[in-house]
Amino acid sequence: MATTHLIEVPEGNEITCMTYLEVSNLIATGHENGDVTLWNPDIDQHLTPQGSETQLKHTNTITALAPALYKGSEFLLSVGYDAKVCIWEIVE
């Protein structure tokens, strides 16, 4: 067994949960500061999506992530200590 990729986040932004999005081939991580990060291991890049408004993203630790498919579209569900469930549509 050998390591093929290493995901590193900035110090102080601990990963609290993780899931794999099979359709888009992305790894999603939830963080202590309320961020969600999407990682593409094939090209060693990551993206932290932002809600268009403050109330559309987490303000506290994300505790769980789950992938979901609905009517041919891929979504990421996140829940956190801020009592919010966010639904993120995964698009190119």
PDB file of N, CA and C in Angstrom:
ATOM      1  N   MET A   1       0.847  -1.166   0.000  1.00  0.00           N
ATOM      2  CA  MET A   1       0.000   0.000   0.000  1.00  0.00           C
ATOM      3  C   MET A   1       0.902   1.241   0.000  1.00  0.00           C
ATOM      4  N   ALA A   2       0.472   2.276  -0.801  1.00  0.00           N
ATOM      5  CA  ALA A   2       1.256   3.500  -0.883  1.00  0.00           C
ATOM      6  C   ALA A   2       0.323   4.701  -0.980  1.00  0.00           C
ATOM      7  N   THR A   3       0.748   5.823  -0.439  1.00  0.00           N
ATOM      8  CA  THR A   3      -0.028   7.051  -0.535  1.00  0.00           C
ATOM      9  C   THR A   3       0.089   7.597  -1.946  1.00  0.00           C
ATOM     10  N   THR A   4      -1.057   7.959  -2.556  1.00  0.00           N
ATOM     11  CA  THR A   4      -1.040   8.526  -3.904  1.00  0.00           C
ATOM     12  C   THR A   4      -1.298  10.026  -3.909  1.00  0.00           C
ATOM     13  N   HIS A   5      -1.994  10.528  -2.911  1.00  0.00           N
ATOM     14  CA  HIS A   5      -2.302  11.956  -2.806  1.00  0.00           C
ATOM     15  C   HIS A   5      -2.301  12.351  -1.328  1.00  0.00           C
ATOM     16  N   LEU A   6      -2.071  13.628  -1.087  1.00  0.00           N
ATOM     17  CA  LEU A   6      -2.128  14.161   0.271  1.00  0.00           C
ATOM     18  C   LEU A   6      -2.948  15.442   0.234  1.00  0.00           C
ATOM     19  N   ILE A   7      -3.979  15.495   1.053  1.00  0.00           N
ATOM     20  CA  ILE A   7      -4.818  16.686   1.158  1.00  0.00           C
ATOM     21  C   ILE A   7      -4.405  17.427   2.416  1.00  0.00           C
ATOM     22  N   GLU A   8      -4.058  18.695   2.262  1.00  0.00           N
ATOM     23  CA  GLU A   8      -3.687  19.508   3.415  1.00  0.00           C
ATOM     24  C   GLU A   8      -4.551  20.751   3.459  1.00  0.00           C
ATOM     25  N   VAL A   9      -5.016  21.077   4.630  1.00  0.00           N
ATOM     26  CA  VAL A   9      -5.822  22.288   4.817  1.00  0.00           C
ATOM     27  C   VAL A   9      -5.013  23.284   5.635  1.00  0.00           C
ATOM     28  N   PRO A  10      -5.364  24.564   5.536  1.00  0.00           N
ATOM     29  CA  PRO A  10      -4.643  25.557   6.347  1.00  0.00           C
ATOM     30  C   PRO A  10      -4.734  25.234   7.836  1.00  0.00           C
ATOM     31  N   GLU A  11      -3.699  25.576   8.564  1.00  0.00           N
ATOM     32  CA  GLU A  11      -3.675  25.329  10.006  1.00  0.00           C
ATOM     33  C   GLU A  11      -4.859  26.021  10.679  1.00  0.00           C
ATOM     34  N   GLY A  12      -5.483  25.342  11.618  1.00  0.00           N
ATOM     35  CA  GLY A  12      -6.624  25.902  12.330  1.00  0.00           C
ATOM     36  C   GLY A  12      -7.955  25.654  11.640  1.00  0.00           C
ATOM     37  N   ASN A  13      -7.954  24.920  10.528  1.00  0.00           N
ATOM     38  CA  ASN A  13      -9.183  24.626   9.797  1.00  0.00           C
ATOM     39  C   ASN A  13      -9.374  23.110   9.758  1.00  0.00           C
ATOM     40  N   GLU A  14      -9.555  22.526  10.923  1.00  0.00           N
ATOM     41  CA  GLU A  14      -9.591  21.073  11.055  1.00  0.00           C
ATOM     42  C   GLU A  14     -10.716  20.430  10.255  1.00  0.00           C
ATOM     43  N   ILE A  15     -10.422  19.273   9.664  1.00  0.00           N
ATOM     44  CA  ILE A  15     -11.424  18.484   8.957  1.00  0.00           C
ATOM     45  C   ILE A  15     -12.232  17.716   9.995  1.00  0.00           C
ATOM     46  N   THR A  16     -13.554  17.825   9.922  1.00  0.00           N
ATOM     47  CA  THR A  16     -14.421  17.154  10.892  1.00  0.00           C
ATOM     48  C   THR A  16     -15.218  16.004  10.279  1.00  0.00           C
ATOM     49  N   CYS A  17     -15.338  15.977   8.938  1.00  0.00           N
ATOM     50  CA  CYS A  17     -16.039  14.881   8.266  1.00  0.00           C
ATOM     51  C   CYS A  17     -15.654  14.871   6.796  1.00  0.00           C
ATOM     52  N   MET A  18     -15.963  13.759   6.119  1.00  0.00           N
ATOM     53  CA  MET A  18     -15.558  13.603   4.737  1.00  0.00           C
ATOM     54  C   MET A  18     -16.499  12.624   4.039  1.00  0.00           C
ATOM     55  N   THR A  19     -16.706  12.833   2.726  1.00  0.00           N
ATOM     56  CA  THR A  19     -17.456  11.885   1.912  1.00  0.00           C
ATOM     57  C   THR A  19     -16.924  11.948   0.492  1.00  0.00           C
ATOM     58  N   TYR A  20     -17.274  10.944  -0.311  1.00  0.00           N
ATOM     59  CA  TYR A  20     -16.842  10.874  -1.707  1.00  0.00           C
ATOM     60  C   TYR A  20     -18.057  11.078  -2.603  1.00  0.00           C
ATOM     61  N   LEU A  21     -17.914  11.974  -3.586  1.00  0.00           N
ATOM     62  CA  LEU A  21     -18.961  12.231  -4.571  1.00  0.00           C
ATOM     63  C   LEU A  21     -18.599  11.454  -5.829  1.00  0.00           C
ATOM     64  N   GLU A  22     -19.257  10.320  -6.017  1.00  0.00           N
ATOM     65  CA  GLU A  22     -18.866   9.378  -7.069  1.00  0.00           C
ATOM     66  C   GLU A  22     -19.073   9.929  -8.480  1.00  0.00           C
ATOM     67  N   VAL A  23     -20.186  10.599  -8.723  1.00  0.00           N
ATOM     68  CA  VAL A  23     -20.483  11.085 -10.073  1.00  0.00           C
ATOM     69  C   VAL A  23     -19.445  12.102 -10.537  1.00  0.00           C
ATOM     70  N   SER A  24     -19.103  13.044  -9.697  1.00  0.00           N
ATOM     71  CA  SER A  24     -18.145  14.089 -10.068  1.00  0.00           C
ATOM     72  C   SER A  24     -16.698  13.730  -9.729  1.00  0.00           C
ATOM     73  N   ASN A  25     -16.498  12.603  -9.068  1.00  0.00           N
ATOM     74  CA  ASN A  25     -15.176  12.138  -8.648  1.00  0.00           C
ATOM     75  C   ASN A  25     -14.466  13.185  -7.777  1.00  0.00           C
ATOM     76  N   LEU A  26     -15.188  13.706  -6.794  1.00  0.00           N
ATOM     77  CA  LEU A  26     -14.643  14.687  -5.868  1.00  0.00           C
ATOM     78  C   LEU A  26     -14.699  14.156  -4.441  1.00  0.00           C
ATOM     79  N   ILE A  27     -13.794  14.608  -3.617  1.00  0.00           N
ATOM     80  CA  ILE A  27     -13.835  14.342  -2.183  1.00  0.00           C
ATOM     81  C   ILE A  27     -14.331  15.619  -1.524  1.00  0.00           C
ATOM     82  N   ALA A  28     -15.339  15.508  -0.689  1.00  0.00           N
ATOM     83  CA  ALA A  28     -15.872  16.663   0.037  1.00  0.00           C
ATOM     84  C   ALA A  28     -15.476  16.542   1.499  1.00  0.00           C
ATOM     85  N   THR A  29     -14.984  17.644   2.057  1.00  0.00           N
ATOM     86  CA  THR A  29     -14.643  17.673   3.474  1.00  0.00           C
ATOM     87  C   THR A  29     -15.410  18.800   4.155  1.00  0.00           C
ATOM     88  N   GLY A  30     -15.840  18.543   5.391  1.00  0.00           N
ATOM     89  CA  GLY A  30     -16.456  19.552   6.232  1.00  0.00           C
ATOM     90  C   GLY A  30     -15.444  19.968   7.282  1.00  0.00           C
ATOM     91  N   HIS A  31     -15.511  21.237   7.706  1.00  0.00           N
ATOM     92  CA  HIS A  31     -14.473  21.768   8.573  1.00  0.00           C
ATOM     93  C   HIS A  31     -15.050  22.402   9.835  1.00  0.00           C
ATOM     94  N   GLU A  32     -14.176  22.537  10.815  1.00  0.00           N
ATOM     95  CA  GLU A  32     -14.547  23.092  12.113  1.00  0.00           C
ATOM     96  C   GLU A  32     -15.059  24.533  12.004  1.00  0.00           C
ATOM     97  N   ASN A  33     -14.563  25.285  11.024  1.00  0.00           N
ATOM     98  CA  ASN A  33     -14.982  26.684  10.870  1.00  0.00           C
ATOM     99  C   ASN A  33     -16.257  26.857  10.036  1.00  0.00           C
ATOM    100  N   GLY A  34     -16.888  25.750   9.616  1.00  0.00           N
ATOM    101  CA  GLY A  34     -18.128  25.807   8.851  1.00  0.00           C
ATOM    102  C   GLY A  34     -17.949  25.751   7.347  1.00  0.00           C
ATOM    103  N   ASP A  35     -16.714  25.667   6.865  1.00  0.00           N
ATOM    104  CA  ASP A  35     -16.468  25.580   5.422  1.00  0.00           C
ATOM    105  C   ASP A  35     -16.688  24.164   4.909  1.00  0.00           C
ATOM    106  N   VAL A  36     -17.085  24.085   3.639  1.00  0.00           N
ATOM    107  CA  VAL A  36     -17.103  22.844   2.880  1.00  0.00           C
ATOM    108  C   VAL A  36     -16.043  23.010   1.798  1.00  0.00           C
ATOM    109  N   THR A  37     -15.222  22.000   1.602  1.00  0.00           N
ATOM    110  CA  THR A  37     -14.209  22.054   0.553  1.00  0.00           C
ATOM    111  C   THR A  37     -14.383  20.853  -0.360  1.00  0.00           C
ATOM    112  N   LEU A  38     -14.308  21.099  -1.675  1.00  0.00           N
ATOM    113  CA  LEU A  38     -14.359  20.043  -2.684  1.00  0.00           C
ATOM    114  C   LEU A  38     -12.956  19.860  -3.236  1.00  0.00           C
ATOM    115  N   TRP A  39     -12.485  18.626  -3.219  1.00  0.00           N
ATOM    116  CA  TRP A  39     -11.119  18.297  -3.634  1.00  0.00           C
ATOM    117  C   TRP A  39     -11.159  17.428  -4.879  1.00  0.00           C
ATOM    118  N   ASN A  40     -10.351  17.761  -5.878  1.00  0.00           N
ATOM    119  CA  ASN A  40     -10.203  16.938  -7.069  1.00  0.00           C
ATOM    120  C   ASN A  40      -8.803  16.337  -7.042  1.00  0.00           C
ATOM    121  N   PRO A  41      -8.680  15.074  -6.646  1.00  0.00           N
ATOM    122  CA  PRO A  41      -7.350  14.477  -6.521  1.00  0.00           C
ATOM    123  C   PRO A  41      -6.658  14.264  -7.864  1.00  0.00           C
ATOM    124  N   ASP A  42      -7.418  14.201  -8.960  1.00  0.00           N
ATOM    125  CA  ASP A  42      -6.807  13.983 -10.276  1.00  0.00           C
ATOM    126  C   ASP A  42      -5.939  15.158 -10.714  1.00  0.00           C
ATOM    127  N   ILE A  43      -6.328  16.383 -10.331  1.00  0.00           N
ATOM    128  CA  ILE A  43      -5.565  17.561 -10.756  1.00  0.00           C
ATOM    129  C   ILE A  43      -5.013  18.345  -9.564  1.00  0.00           C
ATOM    130  N   ASP A  44      -5.104  17.760  -8.377  1.00  0.00           N
ATOM    131  CA  ASP A  44      -4.573  18.372  -7.150  1.00  0.00           C
ATOM    132  C   ASP A  44      -5.065  19.805  -6.941  1.00  0.00           C
ATOM    133  N   GLN A  45      -6.380  20.010  -7.093  1.00  0.00           N
ATOM    134  CA  GLN A  45      -6.975  21.320  -6.844  1.00  0.00           C
ATOM    135  C   GLN A  45      -8.149  21.174  -5.894  1.00  0.00           C
ATOM    136  N   HIS A  46      -8.495  22.287  -5.226  1.00  0.00           N
ATOM    137  CA  HIS A  46      -9.644  22.288  -4.329  1.00  0.00           C
ATOM    138  C   HIS A  46     -10.401  23.601  -4.466  1.00  0.00           C
ATOM    139  N   LEU A  47     -11.656  23.565  -4.031  1.00  0.00           N
ATOM    140  CA  LEU A  47     -12.545  24.716  -4.105  1.00  0.00           C
ATOM    141  C   LEU A  47     -13.363  24.763  -2.832  1.00  0.00           C
ATOM    142  N   THR A  48     -13.488  25.944  -2.246  1.00  0.00           N
ATOM    143  CA  THR A  48     -14.369  26.146  -1.103  1.00  0.00           C
ATOM    144  C   THR A  48     -15.539  26.991  -1.583  1.00  0.00           C
ATOM    145  N   PRO A  49     -16.687  26.345  -1.885  1.00  0.00           N
ATOM    146  CA  PRO A  49     -17.833  27.114  -2.391  1.00  0.00           C
ATOM    147  C   PRO A  49     -18.400  28.031  -1.313  1.00  0.00           C
ATOM    148  N   GLN A  50     -18.907  29.155  -1.727  1.00  0.00           N
ATOM    149  CA  GLN A  50     -19.499  30.123  -0.812  1.00  0.00           C
ATOM    150  C   GLN A  50     -20.971  30.275  -1.156  1.00  0.00           C
ATOM    151  N   GLY A  51     -21.824  30.335  -0.146  1.00  0.00           N
ATOM    152  CA  GLY A  51     -23.227  30.639  -0.374  1.00  0.00           C
ATOM    153  C   GLY A  51     -23.350  32.075  -0.847  1.00  0.00           C
ATOM    154  N   SER A  52     -24.347  32.371  -1.675  1.00  0.00           N
ATOM    155  CA  SER A  52     -24.495  33.731  -2.192  1.00  0.00           C
ATOM    156  C   SER A  52     -24.867  34.702  -1.082  1.00  0.00           C
ATOM    157  N   GLU A  53     -25.404  34.164  -0.006  1.00  0.00           N
ATOM    158  CA  GLU A  53     -25.738  34.988   1.157  1.00  0.00           C
ATOM    159  C   GLU A  53     -25.240  34.268   2.410  1.00  0.00           C
ATOM    160  N   THR A  54     -24.956  35.013   3.447  1.00  0.00           N
ATOM    161  CA  THR A  54     -24.402  34.445   4.669  1.00  0.00           C
ATOM    162  C   THR A  54     -25.267  33.329   5.234  1.00  0.00           C
ATOM    163  N   GLN A  55     -26.585  33.454   5.174  1.00  0.00           N
ATOM    164  CA  GLN A  55     -27.449  32.432   5.766  1.00  0.00           C
ATOM    165  C   GLN A  55     -27.441  31.118   4.975  1.00  0.00           C
ATOM    166  N   LEU A  56     -26.795  31.105   3.799  1.00  0.00           N
ATOM    167  CA  LEU A  56     -26.765  29.895   2.981  1.00  0.00           C
ATOM    168  C   LEU A  56     -25.533  29.029   3.229  1.00  0.00           C
ATOM    169  N   LYS A  57     -24.721  29.383   4.219  1.00  0.00           N
ATOM    170  CA  LYS A  57     -23.580  28.535   4.559  1.00  0.00           C
ATOM    171  C   LYS A  57     -23.512  28.360   6.068  1.00  0.00           C
ATOM    172  N   HIS A  58     -22.728  27.414   6.485  1.00  0.00           N
ATOM    173  CA  HIS A  58     -22.603  27.115   7.913  1.00  0.00           C
ATOM    174  C   HIS A  58     -21.783  28.179   8.640  1.00  0.00           C
ATOM    175  N   THR A  59     -22.139  28.384   9.899  1.00  0.00           N
ATOM    176  CA  THR A  59     -21.426  29.337  10.735  1.00  0.00           C
ATOM    177  C   THR A  59     -20.707  28.639  11.892  1.00  0.00           C
ATOM    178  N   ASN A  60     -20.772  27.297  11.914  1.00  0.00           N
ATOM    179  CA  ASN A  60     -20.153  26.527  12.986  1.00  0.00           C
ATOM    180  C   ASN A  60     -19.699  25.191  12.406  1.00  0.00           C
ATOM    181  N   THR A  61     -19.163  24.331  13.224  1.00  0.00           N
ATOM    182  CA  THR A  61     -18.602  23.053  12.817  1.00  0.00           C
ATOM    183  C   THR A  61     -19.592  22.214  12.012  1.00  0.00           C
ATOM    184  N   ILE A  62     -19.114  21.686  10.879  1.00  0.00           N
ATOM    185  CA  ILE A  62     -19.906  20.742  10.079  1.00  0.00           C
ATOM    186  C   ILE A  62     -19.676  19.357  10.668  1.00  0.00           C
ATOM    187  N   THR A  63     -20.774  18.656  10.947  1.00  0.00           N
ATOM    188  CA  THR A  63     -20.667  17.361  11.614  1.00  0.00           C
ATOM    189  C   THR A  63     -20.863  16.172  10.687  1.00  0.00           C
ATOM    190  N   ALA A  64     -21.521  16.361   9.539  1.00  0.00           N
ATOM    191  CA  ALA A  64     -21.747  15.244   8.624  1.00  0.00           C
ATOM    192  C   ALA A  64     -21.975  15.751   7.213  1.00  0.00           C
ATOM    193  N   LEU A  65     -21.538  14.944   6.241  1.00  0.00           N
ATOM    194  CA  LEU A  65     -21.753  15.195   4.820  1.00  0.00           C
ATOM    195  C   LEU A  65     -22.332  13.944   4.193  1.00  0.00           C
ATOM    196  N   ALA A  66     -23.187  14.120   3.179  1.00  0.00           N
ATOM    197  CA  ALA A  66     -23.744  12.972   2.468  1.00  0.00           C
ATOM    198  C   ALA A  66     -23.977  13.345   1.014  1.00  0.00           C
ATOM    199  N   PRO A  67     -23.586  12.465   0.088  1.00  0.00           N
ATOM    200  CA  PRO A  67     -23.883  12.710  -1.325  1.00  0.00           C
ATOM    201  C   PRO A  67     -25.328  12.311  -1.612  1.00  0.00           C
ATOM    202  N   ALA A  68     -25.927  12.950  -2.622  1.00  0.00           N
ATOM    203  CA  ALA A  68     -27.300  12.616  -3.003  1.00  0.00           C
ATOM    204  C   ALA A  68     -27.476  12.829  -4.499  1.00  0.00           C
ATOM    205  N   LEU A  69     -28.253  11.953  -5.120  1.00  0.00           N
ATOM    206  CA  LEU A  69     -28.631  12.110  -6.520  1.00  0.00           C
ATOM    207  C   LEU A  69     -30.131  12.346  -6.584  1.00  0.00           C
ATOM    208  N   TYR A  70     -30.544  13.333  -7.382  1.00  0.00           N
ATOM    209  CA  TYR A  70     -31.965  13.623  -7.537  1.00  0.00           C
ATOM    210  C   TYR A  70     -32.205  14.109  -8.958  1.00  0.00           C
ATOM    211  N   LYS A  71     -33.038  13.381  -9.685  1.00  0.00           N
ATOM    212  CA  LYS A  71     -33.398  13.720 -11.069  1.00  0.00           C
ATOM    213  C   LYS A  71     -32.170  13.993 -11.934  1.00  0.00           C
ATOM    214  N   GLY A  72     -31.183  13.129 -11.814  1.00  0.00           N
ATOM    215  CA  GLY A  72     -29.992  13.232 -12.640  1.00  0.00           C
ATOM    216  C   GLY A  72     -28.967  14.258 -12.195  1.00  0.00           C
ATOM    217  N   SER A  73     -29.205  14.964 -11.118  1.00  0.00           N
ATOM    218  CA  SER A  73     -28.255  15.955 -10.605  1.00  0.00           C
ATOM    219  C   SER A  73     -27.616  15.443  -9.318  1.00  0.00           C
ATOM    220  N   GLU A  74     -26.390  15.872  -9.091  1.00  0.00           N
ATOM    221  CA  GLU A  74     -25.661  15.470  -7.899  1.00  0.00           C
ATOM    222  C   GLU A  74     -25.672  16.613  -6.884  1.00  0.00           C
ATOM    223  N   PHE A  75     -25.894  16.250  -5.616  1.00  0.00           N
ATOM    224  CA  PHE A  75     -25.958  17.218  -4.526  1.00  0.00           C
ATOM    225  C   PHE A  75     -25.080  16.741  -3.382  1.00  0.00           C
ATOM    226  N   LEU A  76     -24.694  17.689  -2.543  1.00  0.00           N
ATOM    227  CA  LEU A  76     -23.990  17.391  -1.301  1.00  0.00           C
ATOM    228  C   LEU A  76     -24.825  17.971  -0.169  1.00  0.00           C
ATOM    229  N   LEU A  77     -25.147  17.154   0.818  1.00  0.00           N
ATOM    230  CA  LEU A  77     -25.905  17.596   1.989  1.00  0.00           C
ATOM    231  C   LEU A  77     -24.931  17.762   3.146  1.00  0.00           C
ATOM    232  N   SER A  78     -25.059  18.872   3.851  1.00  0.00           N
ATOM    233  CA  SER A  78     -24.191  19.093   5.012  1.00  0.00           C
ATOM    234  C   SER A  78     -25.039  19.532   6.199  1.00  0.00           C
ATOM    235  N   VAL A  79     -24.610  19.131   7.381  1.00  0.00           N
ATOM    236  CA  VAL A  79     -25.299  19.503   8.616  1.00  0.00           C
ATOM    237  C   VAL A  79     -24.237  19.891   9.640  1.00  0.00           C
ATOM    238  N   GLY A  80     -24.590  20.855  10.496  1.00  0.00           N
ATOM    239  CA  GLY A  80     -23.602  21.316  11.457  1.00  0.00           C
ATOM    240  C   GLY A  80     -24.193  21.693  12.792  1.00  0.00           C
ATOM    241  N   TYR A  81     -23.308  22.107  13.696  1.00  0.00           N
ATOM    242  CA  TYR A  81     -23.713  22.515  15.034  1.00  0.00           C
ATOM    243  C   TYR A  81     -24.536  23.797  15.036  1.00  0.00           C
ATOM    244  N   ASP A  82     -24.609  24.488  13.902  1.00  0.00           N
ATOM    245  CA  ASP A  82     -25.399  25.713  13.810  1.00  0.00           C
ATOM    246  C   ASP A  82     -26.877  25.436  13.529  1.00  0.00           C
ATOM    247  N   ALA A  83     -27.272  24.172  13.571  1.00  0.00           N
ATOM    248  CA  ALA A  83     -28.668  23.735  13.351  1.00  0.00           C
ATOM    249  C   ALA A  83     -29.143  24.029  11.938  1.00  0.00           C
ATOM    250  N   LYS A  84     -28.221  23.989  10.957  1.00  0.00           N
ATOM    251  CA  LYS A  84     -28.565  24.182   9.555  1.00  0.00           C
ATOM    252  C   LYS A  84     -28.260  22.918   8.772  1.00  0.00           C
ATOM    253  N   VAL A  85     -29.117  22.631   7.803  1.00  0.00           N
ATOM    254  CA  VAL A  85     -28.830  21.627   6.781  1.00  0.00           C
ATOM    255  C   VAL A  85     -28.695  22.396   5.479  1.00  0.00           C
ATOM    256  N   CYS A  86     -27.545  22.305   4.841  1.00  0.00           N
ATOM    257  CA  CYS A  86     -27.315  22.989   3.566  1.00  0.00           C
ATOM    258  C   CYS A  86     -27.326  21.957   2.445  1.00  0.00           C
ATOM    259  N   ILE A  87     -27.894  22.333   1.318  1.00  0.00           N
ATOM    260  CA  ILE A  87     -27.929  21.493   0.128  1.00  0.00           C
ATOM    261  C   ILE A  87     -27.119  22.202  -0.956  1.00  0.00           C
ATOM    262  N   TRP A  88     -26.055  21.581  -1.385  1.00  0.00           N
ATOM    263  CA  TRP A  88     -25.154  22.148  -2.385  1.00  0.00           C
ATOM    264  C   TRP A  88     -25.345  21.382  -3.697  1.00  0.00           C
ATOM    265  N   GLU A  89     -25.667  22.059  -4.767  1.00  0.00           N
ATOM    266  CA  GLU A  89     -25.746  21.394  -6.076  1.00  0.00           C
ATOM    267  C   GLU A  89     -24.345  21.370  -6.677  1.00  0.00           C
ATOM    268  N   ILE A  90     -23.920  20.195  -7.121  1.00  0.00           N
ATOM    269  CA  ILE A  90     -22.590  20.021  -7.688  1.00  0.00           C
ATOM    270  C   ILE A  90     -22.707  20.182  -9.206  1.00  0.00           C
ATOM    271  N   VAL A  91     -22.124  21.242  -9.719  1.00  0.00           N
ATOM    272  CA  VAL A  91     -22.138  21.520 -11.166  1.00  0.00           C
ATOM    273  C   VAL A  91     -20.710  21.819 -11.605  1.00  0.00           C
ATOM    274  N   GLU A  92     -20.469  21.695 -12.894  1.00  0.00           N
ATOM    275  CA  GLU A  92     -19.126  21.968 -13.421  1.00  0.00           C
ATOM    276  C   GLU A  92     -18.818  23.442 -13.410  1.00  0.00           C
TER     277      GLU A  92
END
